[in-house]
Amino acid sequence: MSQTQAVDVSRYTYRVTWSVEDGEFVATCAEFPSLSWLADSQSAALKGMVDLVADTLADLTAEGEALPEPLSQRSYSGKFNLRVGESLHRRLAIQAAEERLSLNQYVVRRLSEAS
């Protein structure tokens, strides 16, 4: 990503969840896995995280470092390679055959059901 191009912090991938350990909401950003923000409300956690990402982007820019591209703006081919053990491969192939699907169709269906 070009350093001259401003990055809209709202394009990054944020998540806010309740942390039982901390007794607060924790906000995270997928593109910055080492950062998090704790707050007593979801909205405060999200705002704190967005502000932290903005500060981090400013620091990276000032240091001439590369900025992570937001996941929402990345291109995906729709393909990835996955290595599984021989016994899992066999089980999946059998299950796919029993459902009269290709192994690829079967795995795609299972993945989409899991998400």
PDB file of N, CA and C in Angstrom:
ATOM      1  N   MET A   1       0.852  -1.173   0.000  1.00  0.00           N
ATOM      2  CA  MET A   1       0.000   0.000   0.000  1.00  0.00           C
ATOM      3  C   MET A   1       0.894   1.230   0.000  1.00  0.00           C
ATOM      4  N   SER A   2       0.595   2.191  -0.820  1.00  0.00           N
ATOM      5  CA  SER A   2       1.380   3.411  -0.954  1.00  0.00           C
ATOM      6  C   SER A   2       1.309   4.244   0.321  1.00  0.00           C
ATOM      7  N   GLN A   3       2.449   4.773   0.739  1.00  0.00           N
ATOM      8  CA  GLN A   3       2.502   5.606   1.931  1.00  0.00           C
ATOM      9  C   GLN A   3       1.826   6.952   1.708  1.00  0.00           C
ATOM     10  N   THR A   4       1.718   7.381   0.447  1.00  0.00           N
ATOM     11  CA  THR A   4       1.073   8.664   0.164  1.00  0.00           C
ATOM     12  C   THR A   4      -0.445   8.536   0.178  1.00  0.00           C
ATOM     13  N   GLN A   5      -0.931   7.317   0.106  1.00  0.00           N
ATOM     14  CA  GLN A   5      -2.364   7.073   0.070  1.00  0.00           C
ATOM     15  C   GLN A   5      -2.881   6.953   1.505  1.00  0.00           C
ATOM     16  N   ALA A   6      -3.829   7.809   1.875  1.00  0.00           N
ATOM     17  CA  ALA A   6      -4.408   7.750   3.216  1.00  0.00           C
ATOM     18  C   ALA A   6      -5.282   6.509   3.341  1.00  0.00           C
ATOM     19  N   VAL A   7      -5.231   5.888   4.493  1.00  0.00           N
ATOM     20  CA  VAL A   7      -6.033   4.698   4.737  1.00  0.00           C
ATOM     21  C   VAL A   7      -7.203   5.082   5.633  1.00  0.00           C
ATOM     22  N   ASP A   8      -8.394   4.704   5.229  1.00  0.00           N
ATOM     23  CA  ASP A   8      -9.593   4.936   6.016  1.00  0.00           C
ATOM     24  C   ASP A   8      -9.650   3.859   7.097  1.00  0.00           C
ATOM     25  N   VAL A   9      -9.512   4.257   8.362  1.00  0.00           N
ATOM     26  CA  VAL A   9      -9.474   3.270   9.446  1.00  0.00           C
ATOM     27  C   VAL A   9     -10.757   2.460   9.551  1.00  0.00           C
ATOM     28  N   SER A  10     -11.853   2.959   9.008  1.00  0.00           N
ATOM     29  CA  SER A  10     -13.108   2.214   9.074  1.00  0.00           C
ATOM     30  C   SER A  10     -13.116   1.013   8.133  1.00  0.00           C
ATOM     31  N   ARG A  11     -12.129   0.903   7.256  1.00  0.00           N
ATOM     32  CA  ARG A  11     -12.057  -0.219   6.307  1.00  0.00           C
ATOM     33  C   ARG A  11     -11.426  -1.467   6.920  1.00  0.00           C
ATOM     34  N   TYR A  12     -10.839  -1.329   8.109  1.00  0.00           N
ATOM     35  CA  TYR A  12     -10.216  -2.478   8.764  1.00  0.00           C
ATOM     36  C   TYR A  12     -11.288  -3.359   9.418  1.00  0.00           C
ATOM     37  N   THR A  13     -10.897  -4.555   9.826  1.00  0.00           N
ATOM     38  CA  THR A  13     -11.818  -5.556  10.341  1.00  0.00           C
ATOM     39  C   THR A  13     -11.772  -5.580  11.866  1.00  0.00           C
ATOM     40  N   TYR A  14     -12.851  -5.095  12.482  1.00  0.00           N
ATOM     41  CA  TYR A  14     -12.913  -4.991  13.935  1.00  0.00           C
ATOM     42  C   TYR A  14     -13.880  -6.019  14.514  1.00  0.00           C
ATOM     43  N   ARG A  15     -13.607  -6.404  15.763  1.00  0.00           N
ATOM     44  CA  ARG A  15     -14.499  -7.297  16.485  1.00  0.00           C
ATOM     45  C   ARG A  15     -14.506  -6.857  17.949  1.00  0.00           C
ATOM     46  N   VAL A  16     -15.676  -6.865  18.544  1.00  0.00           N
ATOM     47  CA  VAL A  16     -15.808  -6.550  19.967  1.00  0.00           C
ATOM     48  C   VAL A  16     -16.486  -7.736  20.638  1.00  0.00           C
ATOM     49  N   THR A  17     -15.855  -8.271  21.680  1.00  0.00           N
ATOM     50  CA  THR A  17     -16.408  -9.392  22.427  1.00  0.00           C
ATOM     51  C   THR A  17     -16.282  -9.118  23.925  1.00  0.00           C
ATOM     52  N   TRP A  18     -17.048  -9.839  24.696  1.00  0.00           N
ATOM     53  CA  TRP A  18     -16.971  -9.734  26.145  1.00  0.00           C
ATOM     54  C   TRP A  18     -15.819 -10.593  26.641  1.00  0.00           C
ATOM     55  N   SER A  19     -14.989 -10.041  27.514  1.00  0.00           N
ATOM     56  CA  SER A  19     -13.891 -10.785  28.116  1.00  0.00           C
ATOM     57  C   SER A  19     -14.254 -11.125  29.551  1.00  0.00           C
ATOM     58  N   VAL A  20     -14.506 -12.399  29.804  1.00  0.00           N
ATOM     59  CA  VAL A  20     -14.825 -12.850  31.156  1.00  0.00           C
ATOM     60  C   VAL A  20     -13.641 -12.580  32.078  1.00  0.00           C
ATOM     61  N   GLU A  21     -12.434 -12.847  31.586  1.00  0.00           N
ATOM     62  CA  GLU A  21     -11.222 -12.655  32.395  1.00  0.00           C
ATOM     63  C   GLU A  21     -11.060 -11.214  32.860  1.00  0.00           C
ATOM     64  N   ASP A  22     -11.332 -10.268  31.953  1.00  0.00           N
ATOM     65  CA  ASP A  22     -11.128  -8.853  32.266  1.00  0.00           C
ATOM     66  C   ASP A  22     -12.381  -8.176  32.815  1.00  0.00           C
ATOM     67  N   GLY A  23     -13.545  -8.795  32.624  1.00  0.00           N
ATOM     68  CA  GLY A  23     -14.792  -8.190  33.062  1.00  0.00           C
ATOM     69  C   GLY A  23     -15.134  -6.936  32.272  1.00  0.00           C
ATOM     70  N   GLU A  24     -14.650  -6.889  31.029  1.00  0.00           N
ATOM     71  CA  GLU A  24     -14.901  -5.744  30.146  1.00  0.00           C
ATOM     72  C   GLU A  24     -15.027  -6.247  28.716  1.00  0.00           C
ATOM     73  N   PHE A  25     -15.442  -5.349  27.838  1.00  0.00           N
ATOM     74  CA  PHE A  25     -15.455  -5.658  26.417  1.00  0.00           C
ATOM     75  C   PHE A  25     -14.052  -5.453  25.868  1.00  0.00           C
ATOM     76  N   VAL A  26     -13.653  -6.340  24.965  1.00  0.00           N
ATOM     77  CA  VAL A  26     -12.347  -6.209  24.325  1.00  0.00           C
ATOM     78  C   VAL A  26     -12.557  -6.072  22.825  1.00  0.00           C
ATOM     79  N   ALA A  27     -11.938  -5.057  22.260  1.00  0.00           N
ATOM     80  CA  ALA A  27     -11.997  -4.827  20.818  1.00  0.00           C
ATOM     81  C   ALA A  27     -10.662  -5.238  20.214  1.00  0.00           C
ATOM     82  N   THR A  28     -10.732  -5.849  19.038  1.00  0.00           N
ATOM     83  CA  THR A  28      -9.528  -6.255  18.316  1.00  0.00           C
ATOM     84  C   THR A  28      -9.676  -5.863  16.848  1.00  0.00           C
ATOM     85  N   CYS A  29      -8.560  -5.919  16.141  1.00  0.00           N
ATOM     86  CA  CYS A  29      -8.536  -5.621  14.709  1.00  0.00           C
ATOM     87  C   CYS A  29      -7.742  -6.736  14.036  1.00  0.00           C
ATOM     88  N   ALA A  30      -8.356  -7.433  13.086  1.00  0.00           N
ATOM     89  CA  ALA A  30      -7.719  -8.588  12.441  1.00  0.00           C
ATOM     90  C   ALA A  30      -6.400  -8.228  11.773  1.00  0.00           C
ATOM     91  N   GLU A  31      -6.300  -7.032  11.216  1.00  0.00           N
ATOM     92  CA  GLU A  31      -5.084  -6.627  10.515  1.00  0.00           C
ATOM     93  C   GLU A  31      -3.958  -6.228  11.476  1.00  0.00           C
ATOM     94  N   PHE A  32      -4.296  -6.017  12.738  1.00  0.00           N
ATOM     95  CA  PHE A  32      -3.310  -5.659  13.770  1.00  0.00           C
ATOM     96  C   PHE A  32      -3.502  -6.604  14.962  1.00  0.00           C
ATOM     97  N   PRO A  33      -3.098  -7.878  14.830  1.00  0.00           N
ATOM     98  CA  PRO A  33      -3.404  -8.868  15.865  1.00  0.00           C
ATOM     99  C   PRO A  33      -2.756  -8.605  17.225  1.00  0.00           C
ATOM    100  N   SER A  34      -1.747  -7.766  17.295  1.00  0.00           N
ATOM    101  CA  SER A  34      -1.095  -7.501  18.583  1.00  0.00           C
ATOM    102  C   SER A  34      -1.777  -6.377  19.362  1.00  0.00           C
ATOM    103  N   LEU A  35      -2.779  -5.726  18.771  1.00  0.00           N
ATOM    104  CA  LEU A  35      -3.456  -4.613  19.434  1.00  0.00           C
ATOM    105  C   LEU A  35      -4.811  -5.043  19.972  1.00  0.00           C
ATOM    106  N   SER A  36      -5.203  -4.448  21.101  1.00  0.00           N
ATOM    107  CA  SER A  36      -6.554  -4.645  21.639  1.00  0.00           C
ATOM    108  C   SER A  36      -6.895  -3.449  22.513  1.00  0.00           C
ATOM    109  N   TRP A  37      -8.191  -3.295  22.818  1.00  0.00           N
ATOM    110  CA  TRP A  37      -8.654  -2.180  23.641  1.00  0.00           C
ATOM    111  C   TRP A  37      -9.777  -2.671  24.541  1.00  0.00           C
ATOM    112  N   LEU A  38      -9.637  -2.434  25.839  1.00  0.00           N
ATOM    113  CA  LEU A  38     -10.646  -2.823  26.819  1.00  0.00           C
ATOM    114  C   LEU A  38     -11.476  -1.618  27.225  1.00  0.00           C
ATOM    115  N   ALA A  39     -12.785  -1.831  27.406  1.00  0.00           N
ATOM    116  CA  ALA A  39     -13.671  -0.763  27.867  1.00  0.00           C
ATOM    117  C   ALA A  39     -14.916  -1.390  28.482  1.00  0.00           C
ATOM    118  N   ASP A  40     -15.675  -0.576  29.222  1.00  0.00           N
ATOM    119  CA  ASP A  40     -16.860  -1.099  29.895  1.00  0.00           C
ATOM    120  C   ASP A  40     -18.099  -1.169  29.013  1.00  0.00           C
ATOM    121  N   SER A  41     -18.013  -0.682  27.768  1.00  0.00           N
ATOM    122  CA  SER A  41     -19.130  -0.818  26.828  1.00  0.00           C
ATOM    123  C   SER A  41     -18.584  -1.215  25.458  1.00  0.00           C
ATOM    124  N   GLN A  42     -19.449  -1.818  24.648  1.00  0.00           N
ATOM    125  CA  GLN A  42     -19.041  -2.218  23.300  1.00  0.00           C
ATOM    126  C   GLN A  42     -18.627  -1.005  22.477  1.00  0.00           C
ATOM    127  N   SER A  43     -19.419   0.053  22.555  1.00  0.00           N
ATOM    128  CA  SER A  43     -19.126   1.231  21.734  1.00  0.00           C
ATOM    129  C   SER A  43     -17.819   1.896  22.165  1.00  0.00           C
ATOM    130  N   ALA A  44     -17.551   1.946  23.468  1.00  0.00           N
ATOM    131  CA  ALA A  44     -16.297   2.543  23.940  1.00  0.00           C
ATOM    132  C   ALA A  44     -15.101   1.683  23.533  1.00  0.00           C
ATOM    133  N   ALA A  45     -15.264   0.365  23.573  1.00  0.00           N
ATOM    134  CA  ALA A  45     -14.175  -0.523  23.158  1.00  0.00           C
ATOM    135  C   ALA A  45     -13.880  -0.341  21.673  1.00  0.00           C
ATOM    136  N   LEU A  46     -14.930  -0.277  20.851  1.00  0.00           N
ATOM    137  CA  LEU A  46     -14.732  -0.090  19.416  1.00  0.00           C
ATOM    138  C   LEU A  46     -14.086   1.257  19.122  1.00  0.00           C
ATOM    139  N   LYS A  47     -14.574   2.320  19.758  1.00  0.00           N
ATOM    140  CA  LYS A  47     -13.997   3.649  19.532  1.00  0.00           C
ATOM    141  C   LYS A  47     -12.531   3.676  19.946  1.00  0.00           C
ATOM    142  N   GLY A  48     -12.215   3.087  21.089  1.00  0.00           N
ATOM    143  CA  GLY A  48     -10.831   3.042  21.536  1.00  0.00           C
ATOM    144  C   GLY A  48      -9.939   2.294  20.557  1.00  0.00           C
ATOM    145  N   MET A  49     -10.450   1.191  20.015  1.00  0.00           N
ATOM    146  CA  MET A  49      -9.663   0.397  19.064  1.00  0.00           C
ATOM    147  C   MET A  49      -9.461   1.148  17.757  1.00  0.00           C
ATOM    148  N   VAL A  50     -10.506   1.789  17.258  1.00  0.00           N
ATOM    149  CA  VAL A  50     -10.387   2.562  16.017  1.00  0.00           C
ATOM    150  C   VAL A  50      -9.369   3.693  16.202  1.00  0.00           C
ATOM    151  N   ASP A  51      -9.429   4.373  17.331  1.00  0.00           N
ATOM    152  CA  ASP A  51      -8.458   5.446  17.610  1.00  0.00           C
ATOM    153  C   ASP A  51      -7.041   4.883  17.703  1.00  0.00           C
ATOM    154  N   LEU A  52      -6.887   3.715  18.334  1.00  0.00           N
ATOM    155  CA  LEU A  52      -5.568   3.084  18.450  1.00  0.00           C
ATOM    156  C   LEU A  52      -5.026   2.697  17.078  1.00  0.00           C
ATOM    157  N   VAL A  53      -5.877   2.161  16.222  1.00  0.00           N
ATOM    158  CA  VAL A  53      -5.450   1.814  14.859  1.00  0.00           C
ATOM    159  C   VAL A  53      -5.039   3.075  14.107  1.00  0.00           C
ATOM    160  N   ALA A  54      -5.791   4.149  14.250  1.00  0.00           N
ATOM    161  CA  ALA A  54      -5.441   5.416  13.586  1.00  0.00           C
ATOM    162  C   ALA A  54      -4.080   5.903  14.061  1.00  0.00           C
ATOM    163  N   ASP A  55      -3.827   5.841  15.374  1.00  0.00           N
ATOM    164  CA  ASP A  55      -2.522   6.252  15.914  1.00  0.00           C
ATOM    165  C   ASP A  55      -1.405   5.342  15.402  1.00  0.00           C
ATOM    166  N   THR A  56      -1.678   4.060  15.334  1.00  0.00           N
ATOM    167  CA  THR A  56      -0.682   3.101  14.849  1.00  0.00           C
ATOM    168  C   THR A  56      -0.360   3.359  13.385  1.00  0.00           C
ATOM    169  N   LEU A  57      -1.381   3.635  12.575  1.00  0.00           N
ATOM    170  CA  LEU A  57      -1.153   3.958  11.160  1.00  0.00           C
ATOM    171  C   LEU A  57      -0.312   5.226  11.025  1.00  0.00           C
ATOM    172  N   ALA A  58      -0.588   6.227  11.853  1.00  0.00           N
ATOM    173  CA  ALA A  58       0.187   7.467  11.813  1.00  0.00           C
ATOM    174  C   ALA A  58       1.642   7.192  12.171  1.00  0.00           C
ATOM    175  N   ASP A  59       1.860   6.361  13.199  1.00  0.00           N
ATOM    176  CA  ASP A  59       3.235   6.012  13.599  1.00  0.00           C
ATOM    177  C   ASP A  59       3.954   5.246  12.487  1.00  0.00           C
ATOM    178  N   LEU A  60       3.277   4.277  11.887  1.00  0.00           N
ATOM    179  CA  LEU A  60       3.881   3.499  10.799  1.00  0.00           C
ATOM    180  C   LEU A  60       4.236   4.398   9.623  1.00  0.00           C
ATOM    181  N   THR A  61       3.340   5.318   9.292  1.00  0.00           N
ATOM    182  CA  THR A  61       3.582   6.248   8.189  1.00  0.00           C
ATOM    183  C   THR A  61       4.781   7.139   8.493  1.00  0.00           C
ATOM    184  N   ALA A  62       4.838   7.651   9.720  1.00  0.00           N
ATOM    185  CA  ALA A  62       5.951   8.529  10.121  1.00  0.00           C
ATOM    186  C   ALA A  62       7.287   7.797  10.062  1.00  0.00           C
ATOM    187  N   GLU A  63       7.272   6.502  10.337  1.00  0.00           N
ATOM    188  CA  GLU A  63       8.500   5.695  10.312  1.00  0.00           C
ATOM    189  C   GLU A  63       8.802   5.130   8.925  1.00  0.00           C
ATOM    190  N   GLY A  64       7.924   5.399   7.962  1.00  0.00           N
ATOM    191  CA  GLY A  64       8.133   4.893   6.606  1.00  0.00           C
ATOM    192  C   GLY A  64       7.863   3.402   6.477  1.00  0.00           C
ATOM    193  N   GLU A  65       7.121   2.852   7.426  1.00  0.00           N
ATOM    194  CA  GLU A  65       6.792   1.424   7.406  1.00  0.00           C
ATOM    195  C   GLU A  65       5.589   1.163   6.496  1.00  0.00           C
ATOM    196  N   ALA A  66       5.489  -0.061   6.024  1.00  0.00           N
ATOM    197  CA  ALA A  66       4.355  -0.458   5.186  1.00  0.00           C
ATOM    198  C   ALA A  66       3.094  -0.544   6.036  1.00  0.00           C
ATOM    199  N   LEU A  67       1.985  -0.122   5.466  1.00  0.00           N
ATOM    200  CA  LEU A  67       0.694  -0.190   6.142  1.00  0.00           C
ATOM    201  C   LEU A  67      -0.022  -1.461   5.721  1.00  0.00           C
ATOM    202  N   PRO A  68      -0.608  -2.176   6.666  1.00  0.00           N
ATOM    203  CA  PRO A  68      -1.350  -3.379   6.265  1.00  0.00           C
ATOM    204  C   PRO A  68      -2.575  -3.011   5.437  1.00  0.00           C
ATOM    205  N   GLU A  69      -2.785  -3.754   4.382  1.00  0.00           N
ATOM    206  CA  GLU A  69      -3.960  -3.519   3.543  1.00  0.00           C
ATOM    207  C   GLU A  69      -5.188  -4.094   4.253  1.00  0.00           C
ATOM    208  N   PRO A  70      -6.271  -3.336   4.323  1.00  0.00           N
ATOM    209  CA  PRO A  70      -7.482  -3.874   4.945  1.00  0.00           C
ATOM    210  C   PRO A  70      -7.938  -5.156   4.254  1.00  0.00           C
ATOM    211  N   LEU A  71      -8.377  -6.126   5.027  1.00  0.00           N
ATOM    212  CA  LEU A  71      -8.862  -7.387   4.460  1.00  0.00           C
ATOM    213  C   LEU A  71      -9.981  -7.143   3.463  1.00  0.00           C
ATOM    214  N   SER A  72     -10.801  -6.129   3.711  1.00  0.00           N
ATOM    215  CA  SER A  72     -11.928  -5.831   2.831  1.00  0.00           C
ATOM    216  C   SER A  72     -11.495  -5.354   1.452  1.00  0.00           C
ATOM    217  N   GLN A  73     -10.262  -4.926   1.315  1.00  0.00           N
ATOM    218  CA  GLN A  73      -9.779  -4.412   0.036  1.00  0.00           C
ATOM    219  C   GLN A  73      -8.842  -5.375  -0.680  1.00  0.00           C
ATOM    220  N   ARG A  74      -8.538  -6.499  -0.061  1.00  0.00           N
ATOM    221  CA  ARG A  74      -7.646  -7.479  -0.676  1.00  0.00           C
ATOM    222  C   ARG A  74      -8.404  -8.305  -1.707  1.00  0.00           C
ATOM    223  N   SER A  75      -7.668  -8.778  -2.695  1.00  0.00           N
ATOM    224  CA  SER A  75      -8.247  -9.667  -3.706  1.00  0.00           C
ATOM    225  C   SER A  75      -8.009 -11.110  -3.283  1.00  0.00           C
ATOM    226  N   TYR A  76      -9.004 -11.941  -3.506  1.00  0.00           N
ATOM    227  CA  TYR A  76      -8.897 -13.352  -3.160  1.00  0.00           C
ATOM    228  C   TYR A  76      -9.192 -14.182  -4.400  1.00  0.00           C
ATOM    229  N   SER A  77      -8.397 -15.209  -4.622  1.00  0.00           N
ATOM    230  CA  SER A  77      -8.554 -16.045  -5.812  1.00  0.00           C
ATOM    231  C   SER A  77      -9.666 -17.074  -5.647  1.00  0.00           C
ATOM    232  N   GLY A  78     -10.034 -17.365  -4.405  1.00  0.00           N
ATOM    233  CA  GLY A  78     -11.009 -18.422  -4.170  1.00  0.00           C
ATOM    234  C   GLY A  78     -10.360 -19.786  -4.067  1.00  0.00           C
ATOM    235  N   LYS A  79      -9.030 -19.801  -4.059  1.00  0.00           N
ATOM    236  CA  LYS A  79      -8.296 -21.067  -3.986  1.00  0.00           C
ATOM    237  C   LYS A  79      -7.302 -20.999  -2.834  1.00  0.00           C
ATOM    238  N   PHE A  80      -7.175 -22.119  -2.126  1.00  0.00           N
ATOM    239  CA  PHE A  80      -6.085 -22.268  -1.173  1.00  0.00           C
ATOM    240  C   PHE A  80      -5.793 -23.751  -1.029  1.00  0.00           C
ATOM    241  N   ASN A  81      -4.570 -24.067  -0.708  1.00  0.00           N
ATOM    242  CA  ASN A  81      -4.160 -25.458  -0.545  1.00  0.00           C
ATOM    243  C   ASN A  81      -4.237 -25.826   0.924  1.00  0.00           C
ATOM    244  N   LEU A  82      -4.678 -27.026   1.182  1.00  0.00           N
ATOM    245  CA  LEU A  82      -4.815 -27.495   2.549  1.00  0.00           C
ATOM    246  C   LEU A  82      -4.261 -28.906   2.637  1.00  0.00           C
ATOM    247  N   ARG A  83      -3.359 -29.117   3.563  1.00  0.00           N
ATOM    248  CA  ARG A  83      -2.816 -30.459   3.771  1.00  0.00           C
ATOM    249  C   ARG A  83      -3.497 -31.061   4.991  1.00  0.00           C
ATOM    250  N   VAL A  84      -4.010 -32.264   4.800  1.00  0.00           N
ATOM    251  CA  VAL A  84      -4.646 -32.993   5.901  1.00  0.00           C
ATOM    252  C   VAL A  84      -4.017 -34.377   5.964  1.00  0.00           C
ATOM    253  N   GLY A  85      -4.172 -35.021   7.076  1.00  0.00           N
ATOM    254  CA  GLY A  85      -3.643 -36.379   7.208  1.00  0.00           C
ATOM    255  C   GLY A  85      -4.365 -37.347   6.295  1.00  0.00           C
ATOM    256  N   GLU A  86      -3.714 -38.477   6.050  1.00  0.00           N
ATOM    257  CA  GLU A  86      -4.259 -39.479   5.131  1.00  0.00           C
ATOM    258  C   GLU A  86      -5.623 -39.995   5.590  1.00  0.00           C
ATOM    259  N   SER A  87      -5.791 -40.248   6.882  1.00  0.00           N
ATOM    260  CA  SER A  87      -7.069 -40.800   7.358  1.00  0.00           C
ATOM    261  C   SER A  87      -8.202 -39.779   7.237  1.00  0.00           C
ATOM    262  N   LEU A  88      -7.929 -38.508   7.502  1.00  0.00           N
ATOM    263  CA  LEU A  88      -8.955 -37.477   7.336  1.00  0.00           C
ATOM    264  C   LEU A  88      -9.315 -37.330   5.862  1.00  0.00           C
ATOM    265  N   HIS A  89      -8.310 -37.355   4.991  1.00  0.00           N
ATOM    266  CA  HIS A  89      -8.551 -37.264   3.551  1.00  0.00           C
ATOM    267  C   HIS A  89      -9.481 -38.403   3.114  1.00  0.00           C
ATOM    268  N   ARG A  90      -9.203 -39.605   3.587  1.00  0.00           N
ATOM    269  CA  ARG A  90     -10.012 -40.767   3.230  1.00  0.00           C
ATOM    270  C   ARG A  90     -11.454 -40.593   3.730  1.00  0.00           C
ATOM    271  N   ARG A  91     -11.613 -40.183   5.009  1.00  0.00           N
ATOM    272  CA  ARG A  91     -12.959 -39.991   5.564  1.00  0.00           C
ATOM    273  C   ARG A  91     -13.742 -38.958   4.775  1.00  0.00           C
ATOM    274  N   LEU A  92     -13.100 -37.835   4.448  1.00  0.00           N
ATOM    275  CA  LEU A  92     -13.776 -36.788   3.677  1.00  0.00           C
ATOM    276  C   LEU A  92     -14.168 -37.281   2.293  1.00  0.00           C
ATOM    277  N   ALA A  93     -13.264 -38.024   1.645  1.00  0.00           N
ATOM    278  CA  ALA A  93     -13.560 -38.555   0.308  1.00  0.00           C
ATOM    279  C   ALA A  93     -14.740 -39.513   0.360  1.00  0.00           C
ATOM    280  N   ILE A  94     -14.818 -40.345   1.394  1.00  0.00           N
ATOM    281  CA  ILE A  94     -15.931 -41.285   1.536  1.00  0.00           C
ATOM    282  C   ILE A  94     -17.231 -40.524   1.779  1.00  0.00           C
ATOM    283  N   GLN A  95     -17.192 -39.540   2.672  1.00  0.00           N
ATOM    284  CA  GLN A  95     -18.397 -38.754   2.958  1.00  0.00           C
ATOM    285  C   GLN A  95     -18.875 -38.015   1.714  1.00  0.00           C
ATOM    286  N   ALA A  96     -17.936 -37.478   0.947  1.00  0.00           N
ATOM    287  CA  ALA A  96     -18.297 -36.778  -0.292  1.00  0.00           C
ATOM    288  C   ALA A  96     -18.944 -37.745  -1.276  1.00  0.00           C
ATOM    289  N   ALA A  97     -18.365 -38.915  -1.424  1.00  0.00           N
ATOM    290  CA  ALA A  97     -18.914 -39.915  -2.349  1.00  0.00           C
ATOM    291  C   ALA A  97     -20.312 -40.348  -1.916  1.00  0.00           C
ATOM    292  N   GLU A  98     -20.510 -40.512  -0.609  1.00  0.00           N
ATOM    293  CA  GLU A  98     -21.825 -40.910  -0.106  1.00  0.00           C
ATOM    294  C   GLU A  98     -22.882 -39.852  -0.391  1.00  0.00           C
ATOM    295  N   GLU A  99     -22.477 -38.610  -0.467  1.00  0.00           N
ATOM    296  CA  GLU A  99     -23.420 -37.528  -0.782  1.00  0.00           C
ATOM    297  C   GLU A  99     -23.421 -37.176  -2.266  1.00  0.00           C
ATOM    298  N   ARG A 100     -22.696 -37.961  -3.059  1.00  0.00           N
ATOM    299  CA  ARG A 100     -22.605 -37.768  -4.502  1.00  0.00           C
ATOM    300  C   ARG A 100     -22.112 -36.362  -4.866  1.00  0.00           C
ATOM    301  N   LEU A 101     -21.070 -35.946  -4.140  1.00  0.00           N
ATOM    302  CA  LEU A 101     -20.432 -34.657  -4.386  1.00  0.00           C
ATOM    303  C   LEU A 101     -18.957 -34.883  -4.635  1.00  0.00           C
ATOM    304  N   SER A 102     -18.353 -33.944  -5.351  1.00  0.00           N
ATOM    305  CA  SER A 102     -16.898 -33.992  -5.457  1.00  0.00           C
ATOM    306  C   SER A 102     -16.335 -33.662  -4.085  1.00  0.00           C
ATOM    307  N   LEU A 103     -15.119 -34.044  -3.842  1.00  0.00           N
ATOM    308  CA  LEU A 103     -14.478 -33.723  -2.566  1.00  0.00           C
ATOM    309  C   LEU A 103     -14.449 -32.211  -2.360  1.00  0.00           C
ATOM    310  N   ASN A 104     -14.163 -31.454  -3.414  1.00  0.00           N
ATOM    311  CA  ASN A 104     -14.131 -29.995  -3.323  1.00  0.00           C
ATOM    312  C   ASN A 104     -15.506 -29.441  -2.923  1.00  0.00           C
ATOM    313  N   GLN A 105     -16.560 -29.890  -3.584  1.00  0.00           N
ATOM    314  CA  GLN A 105     -17.918 -29.413  -3.262  1.00  0.00           C
ATOM    315  C   GLN A 105     -18.278 -29.743  -1.815  1.00  0.00           C
ATOM    316  N   TYR A 106     -17.918 -30.944  -1.392  1.00  0.00           N
ATOM    317  CA  TYR A 106     -18.228 -31.376  -0.042  1.00  0.00           C
ATOM    318  C   TYR A 106     -17.515 -30.510   0.999  1.00  0.00           C
ATOM    319  N   VAL A 107     -16.231 -30.266   0.789  1.00  0.00           N
ATOM    320  CA  VAL A 107     -15.457 -29.469   1.741  1.00  0.00           C
ATOM    321  C   VAL A 107     -15.942 -28.020   1.747  1.00  0.00           C
ATOM    322  N   VAL A 108     -16.247 -27.466   0.597  1.00  0.00           N
ATOM    323  CA  VAL A 108     -16.776 -26.099   0.538  1.00  0.00           C
ATOM    324  C   VAL A 108     -18.084 -26.023   1.323  1.00  0.00           C
ATOM    325  N   ARG A 109     -18.959 -27.000   1.149  1.00  0.00           N
ATOM    326  CA  ARG A 109     -20.224 -26.995   1.878  1.00  0.00           C
ATOM    327  C   ARG A 109     -19.981 -27.062   3.375  1.00  0.00           C
ATOM    328  N   ARG A 110     -19.091 -27.949   3.795  1.00  0.00           N
ATOM    329  CA  ARG A 110     -18.798 -28.104   5.234  1.00  0.00           C
ATOM    330  C   ARG A 110     -18.195 -26.822   5.806  1.00  0.00           C
ATOM    331  N   LEU A 111     -17.323 -26.192   5.057  1.00  0.00           N
ATOM    332  CA  LEU A 111     -16.719 -24.943   5.525  1.00  0.00           C
ATOM    333  C   LEU A 111     -17.763 -23.833   5.639  1.00  0.00           C
ATOM    334  N   SER A 112     -18.654 -23.746   4.657  1.00  0.00           N
ATOM    335  CA  SER A 112     -19.666 -22.691   4.702  1.00  0.00           C
ATOM    336  C   SER A 112     -20.663 -22.938   5.831  1.00  0.00           C
ATOM    337  N   GLU A 113     -20.932 -24.185   6.155  1.00  0.00           N
ATOM    338  CA  GLU A 113     -21.817 -24.494   7.285  1.00  0.00           C
ATOM    339  C   GLU A 113     -21.166 -24.165   8.619  1.00  0.00           C
ATOM    340  N   ALA A 114     -19.846 -24.229   8.669  1.00  0.00           N
ATOM    341  CA  ALA A 114     -19.120 -23.978   9.917  1.00  0.00           C
ATOM    342  C   ALA A 114     -18.961 -22.499  10.211  1.00  0.00           C
ATOM    343  N   SER A 115     -19.097 -21.655   9.197  1.00  0.00           N
ATOM    344  CA  SER A 115     -18.849 -20.228   9.431  1.00  0.00           C
ATOM    345  C   SER A 115     -20.089 -19.475   9.808  1.00  0.00           C
TER     346      SER A 115
END
